[in-house]
Amino acid sequence: MGSRTGIFVTLEGGEGSGKTTQCRRIVEFLRDRGRTVVVTREPGGTDAGELIRDVLLHRVAHLSPRAELALYLASRAQLVDEQIRPSLGSGIDVVCDRFSDSSTAYQGGARSLGIGFVEAMNEWATSGLTPDLTFYFDVAPATGLSRREGRHEGSDELDRIEREDLAFHEEVRRAYLEIAERHPERFHVIEAGEGEEGVWKQVQRALEATLGSRDGA
């Protein structure tokens, strides 16, 4: 599969966790240190992936859990082959807003397909590619949903996943915390209720540690 010299950072979290704001700060942090960075997202990030994203989030009211997972895996496989792996192999860092752990939490946990099963499917879809560093921004689902609904007040912009009920999002959170326990070598659980600067301090410490270990290798 070739050598990998770029750093692969992923951001995970429930709805309204604030990860998009932190994504911008991570990219700025890396670029300030002279690193080349590609920013992408899931689902999406490629022409095919953006079409799949539209279907998953906006075009249909209901998908079976297996169909939903299959579409996420298709988008992920294309993103890895077209963008992520070539970038990493060229020494470019990749920062991705959601990746395989989202499917493990949402489809494996909340949709009850099984965390182990979805992790195995992710292994196949990505040809074994895993992040070097994953940030999970942890916030109580009721708080996160309230934040998200406030931003969309007066519009119908909530997507199909955001419109799921509170019990669904609580299952997502439980699954994420289980995933963090399964992968402590890369997973950093960030307390997302501390305010933007408090959250950033937690993120920055982990980034500096990862860069330090890479630079010293």
Protein backbone atom coordinates (compact mmCIF):
# COMPACT_ATOMS: atom_id res chain seq x y z
CA MET A 1 0.00 0.00 0.00
CA GLY A 2 3.04 2.26 0.02
CA SER A 3 4.45 4.54 2.70
CA ARG A 4 2.41 7.20 4.43
CA THR A 5 4.08 10.40 5.46
CA GLY A 6 1.17 12.80 5.95
CA ILE A 7 -0.85 12.85 9.16
CA PHE A 8 -4.48 11.75 8.96
CA VAL A 9 -6.75 13.55 11.44
CA THR A 10 -10.47 12.89 11.74
CA LEU A 11 -13.17 14.70 13.68
CA GLU A 12 -16.20 12.93 15.10
CA GLY A 13 -19.16 13.99 17.19
CA GLY A 14 -22.89 14.08 17.54
CA GLU A 15 -25.04 16.84 16.15
CA GLY A 16 -24.15 20.32 17.40
CA SER A 17 -20.85 19.23 18.97
CA GLY A 18 -18.87 22.14 17.49
CA LYS A 19 -16.44 20.02 15.51
CA THR A 20 -16.72 22.18 12.38
CA THR A 21 -15.29 25.19 14.26
CA GLN A 22 -12.45 23.08 15.64
CA CYS A 23 -11.77 21.67 12.18
CA ARG A 24 -10.91 25.17 10.95
CA ARG A 25 -8.57 25.70 13.89
CA ILE A 26 -6.80 22.38 13.34
CA VAL A 27 -6.17 23.22 9.70
CA GLU A 28 -4.82 26.65 10.64
CA PHE A 29 -2.60 25.10 13.34
CA LEU A 30 -1.05 22.65 10.87
CA ARG A 31 -0.56 25.22 8.11
CA ASP A 32 1.07 27.64 10.55
CA ARG A 33 3.71 24.96 11.06
CA GLY A 34 4.48 24.83 7.37
CA ARG A 35 2.49 21.69 6.65
CA THR A 36 0.38 21.19 3.52
CA VAL A 37 -3.17 20.23 4.42
CA VAL A 38 -6.14 18.85 2.51
CA VAL A 39 -9.55 19.32 4.15
CA THR A 40 -12.41 17.02 3.26
CA ARG A 41 -15.63 15.59 4.66
CA GLU A 42 -17.81 12.54 4.89
CA PRO A 43 -20.01 11.66 3.25
CA GLY A 44 -18.72 13.59 0.27
CA GLY A 45 -15.34 14.98 -0.67
CA THR A 46 -15.45 13.71 -4.26
CA ASP A 47 -17.90 14.17 -7.13
CA ALA A 48 -19.38 10.73 -6.49
CA GLY A 49 -19.36 11.24 -2.73
CA GLU A 50 -21.22 14.54 -2.91
CA LEU A 51 -23.98 12.92 -4.96
CA ILE A 52 -24.21 10.11 -2.39
CA ARG A 53 -24.31 12.72 0.40
CA ASP A 54 -27.30 14.39 -1.22
CA VAL A 55 -29.17 11.08 -1.35
CA LEU A 56 -28.26 10.14 2.21
CA LEU A 57 -29.15 13.44 3.85
CA HIS A 58 -31.69 15.19 1.67
CA ARG A 59 -33.28 13.20 -1.16
CA VAL A 60 -35.08 10.38 0.61
CA ALA A 61 -37.08 10.25 3.82
CA HIS A 62 -36.17 6.67 4.75
CA LEU A 63 -33.40 4.17 4.06
CA SER A 64 -32.99 0.72 5.55
CA PRO A 65 -29.95 0.49 7.86
CA ARG A 66 -28.14 -1.81 5.43
CA ALA A 67 -28.79 0.47 2.46
CA GLU A 68 -27.70 3.48 4.50
CA LEU A 69 -24.45 1.78 5.51
CA ALA A 70 -23.75 0.66 1.95
CA LEU A 71 -24.02 4.23 0.67
CA TYR A 72 -21.70 5.58 3.36
CA LEU A 73 -19.18 2.84 2.56
CA ALA A 74 -19.33 3.66 -1.15
CA SER A 75 -18.65 7.33 -0.49
CA ARG A 76 -15.79 6.42 1.88
CA ALA A 77 -14.14 4.01 -0.53
CA GLN A 78 -14.12 6.63 -3.28
CA LEU A 79 -12.75 9.31 -0.95
CA VAL A 80 -9.93 7.08 0.27
CA ASP A 81 -8.89 6.00 -3.22
CA GLU A 82 -9.31 9.35 -4.94
CA GLN A 83 -8.13 11.80 -2.30
CA ILE A 84 -7.00 10.61 1.12
CA ARG A 85 -4.47 7.89 0.33
CA PRO A 86 -2.80 9.80 -2.55
CA SER A 87 -2.49 12.90 -0.37
CA LEU A 88 -0.98 11.06 2.58
CA GLY A 89 1.46 9.26 0.31
CA SER A 90 2.64 12.63 -1.02
CA GLY A 91 3.37 13.96 2.46
CA ILE A 92 0.17 16.00 2.70
CA ASP A 93 -1.84 16.02 5.92
CA VAL A 94 -5.54 15.20 5.64
CA VAL A 95 -8.17 16.57 8.00
CA CYS A 96 -11.55 14.90 7.52
CA ASP A 97 -14.85 15.99 9.07
CA ARG A 98 -16.21 12.51 9.91
CA PHE A 99 -14.82 9.20 8.73
CA SER A 100 -15.30 5.51 9.43
CA ASP A 101 -16.12 5.93 13.13
CA SER A 102 -19.29 7.80 12.13
CA SER A 103 -20.64 4.70 10.43
CA THR A 104 -19.61 2.57 13.40
CA ALA A 105 -21.50 4.87 15.78
CA TYR A 106 -24.55 5.72 13.69
CA GLN A 107 -25.15 2.51 11.74
CA GLY A 108 -23.31 0.05 13.99
CA GLY A 109 -24.63 1.49 17.24
CA ALA A 110 -27.78 3.52 16.74
CA ARG A 111 -29.05 1.46 13.78
CA SER A 112 -28.11 -1.78 15.61
CA LEU A 113 -26.03 -3.30 12.82
CA GLY A 114 -23.26 -4.03 15.32
CA ILE A 115 -20.08 -2.15 16.10
CA GLY A 116 -17.79 -5.07 15.25
CA PHE A 117 -19.60 -5.74 11.99
CA VAL A 118 -19.40 -2.13 10.81
CA GLU A 119 -15.74 -1.88 11.79
CA ALA A 120 -15.05 -4.92 9.61
CA MET A 121 -16.94 -3.33 6.71
CA ASN A 122 -14.95 -0.11 7.18
CA GLU A 123 -11.73 -2.12 7.03
CA TRP A 124 -12.83 -3.46 3.64
CA ALA A 125 -14.03 -0.10 2.27
CA THR A 126 -10.84 1.73 3.25
CA SER A 127 -8.37 -1.09 2.46
CA GLY A 128 -7.25 -0.89 6.07
CA LEU A 129 -6.70 2.86 6.28
CA THR A 130 -7.19 4.24 9.79
CA PRO A 131 -6.66 7.77 11.16
CA ASP A 132 -3.54 8.69 13.09
CA LEU A 133 -5.59 10.90 15.37
CA THR A 134 -9.33 11.04 15.99
CA PHE A 135 -11.08 13.72 18.02
CA TYR A 136 -14.50 12.89 19.38
CA PHE A 137 -16.29 16.03 20.57
CA ASP A 138 -18.52 14.81 23.36
CA VAL A 139 -21.66 16.76 24.23
CA ALA A 140 -24.99 15.70 25.75
CA PRO A 141 -27.30 14.93 22.81
CA ALA A 142 -30.07 17.20 24.09
CA THR A 143 -27.59 20.10 24.23
CA GLY A 144 -26.17 19.40 20.80
CA LEU A 145 -29.57 19.10 19.17
CA SER A 146 -30.71 22.36 20.79
CA ARG A 147 -27.65 24.12 19.36
CA ARG A 148 -28.30 22.71 15.91
CA GLU A 149 -32.00 23.54 15.91
CA GLY A 150 -31.21 27.09 17.02
CA ARG A 151 -28.97 27.58 14.00
CA HIS A 152 -31.71 26.33 11.68
CA GLU A 153 -34.65 28.07 13.35
CA GLY A 154 -37.25 29.16 10.83
CA SER A 155 -35.92 26.91 8.07
CA ASP A 156 -36.30 23.29 6.96
CA GLU A 157 -32.53 22.73 6.67
CA LEU A 158 -32.25 19.93 9.24
CA ASP A 159 -31.08 16.84 7.37
CA ARG A 160 -32.46 13.31 7.67
CA ILE A 161 -30.04 12.31 10.45
CA GLU A 162 -30.49 15.52 12.43
CA ARG A 163 -34.24 14.90 12.45
CA GLU A 164 -33.89 11.59 14.30
CA ASP A 165 -35.27 11.57 17.85
CA LEU A 166 -33.30 12.10 21.05
CA ALA A 167 -33.13 8.37 21.84
CA PHE A 168 -31.34 7.75 18.52
CA HIS A 169 -28.73 10.41 19.25
CA GLU A 170 -28.21 9.05 22.77
CA GLU A 171 -27.42 5.66 21.21
CA VAL A 172 -24.95 7.38 18.88
CA ARG A 173 -23.15 8.87 21.88
CA ARG A 174 -23.02 5.54 23.70
CA ALA A 175 -21.53 3.93 20.62
CA TYR A 176 -18.89 6.64 20.22
CA LEU A 177 -17.76 6.19 23.82
CA GLU A 178 -17.48 2.44 23.26
CA ILE A 179 -15.42 3.04 20.12
CA ALA A 180 -13.12 5.33 22.12
CA GLU A 181 -12.52 2.52 24.59
CA ARG A 182 -11.77 0.12 21.75
CA HIS A 183 -9.20 2.44 20.14
CA PRO A 184 -7.45 4.47 22.88
CA GLU A 185 -4.25 4.69 20.81
CA ARG A 186 -5.84 7.23 18.45
CA PHE A 187 -9.09 8.37 20.05
CA HIS A 188 -9.23 11.56 22.10
CA VAL A 189 -12.52 12.29 23.83
CA ILE A 190 -12.87 16.07 23.99
CA GLU A 191 -15.26 17.64 26.47
CA ALA A 192 -17.17 19.89 24.08
CA GLY A 193 -19.09 21.86 26.69
CA GLU A 194 -16.12 23.93 27.89
CA GLY A 195 -16.45 26.75 25.36
CA GLU A 196 -14.48 27.15 22.17
CA GLU A 197 -11.15 28.08 23.77
CA GLY A 198 -11.35 25.33 26.38
CA VAL A 199 -12.10 22.79 23.68
CA TRP A 200 -9.26 24.08 21.53
CA LYS A 201 -6.73 23.70 24.37
CA GLN A 202 -7.62 20.00 24.62
CA VAL A 203 -7.27 19.57 20.86
CA GLN A 204 -4.01 21.49 20.65
CA ARG A 205 -2.35 19.34 23.31
CA ALA A 206 -3.13 16.17 21.37
CA LEU A 207 -1.97 17.68 18.07
CA GLU A 208 1.32 18.80 19.56
CA ALA A 209 1.91 15.35 21.05
CA THR A 210 1.22 13.65 17.72
CA LEU A 211 3.45 16.01 15.76
CA GLY A 212 6.16 15.64 18.39
CA SER A 213 6.13 11.86 18.15
CA ARG A 214 6.24 12.03 14.35
CA ASP A 215 9.07 14.56 14.29
CA GLY A 216 11.05 12.52 16.77
CA ALA A 217 10.53 9.23 14.93
